[in-house]
Amino acid sequence: MEPITINNLTFAYPGQEPLFNHCDLNITNDWKLGLLGRNGRGKTTLLKILQKQLSFQGSIQTNLKFNYYPLVIREPDDYTLNVLMRSGYQGEQWQIKRELNLMATPTELLWQPFSSLSGGEQTRVMLATLFAQDGFSPCLTNLLITLIRMVENKLLNI
């Protein structure tokens, strides 16, 4: 599997203390990685660096592409499958269905308006879309809050 190798990463926003100061990190992409931390600690900044949206010092070696969770939803009243396809998903429908099945989530949700889904259902279809993509490493921010919502929804449905 393709690794992510970060060497001597240094980054600071103008006029602020560095968020990363000579950081080294090696990750293999056979993981599903979630970044947890308090606000302002650098989770989104690290993702933007990995997506080459921000300039930094040091080196990052990888051939992987990165996605961001939660997905940007531009037309929430459209069918869920259409919403997911427009979010940048580059795989096939059966892959999303496979991931939904692994998450014990009905695939029928794909043919309902995204806006009609509960918060937990929206979370699961977005995560399924990220997990379904071959060759992509989804970077998940605020994963803890998402997991708490999923547990809450599960308990409400008992």
Foldseek 3Di string as FASTA:
>chain_A
DWKKWWAQKWDDDPPDDILDGGDTDIGDQVDQDEDEDDPPNQLVVVLCVVQVVDDIDTDIDTPFHEDEPPFDFDFQQAAQLVRLVVSPQDDDPVLLVVQCVVVVHDPCSNGGRNVPDDPLNNLSSRVSSQVSHPRHHYYYYPVVVNVVVNVVVVVVVD
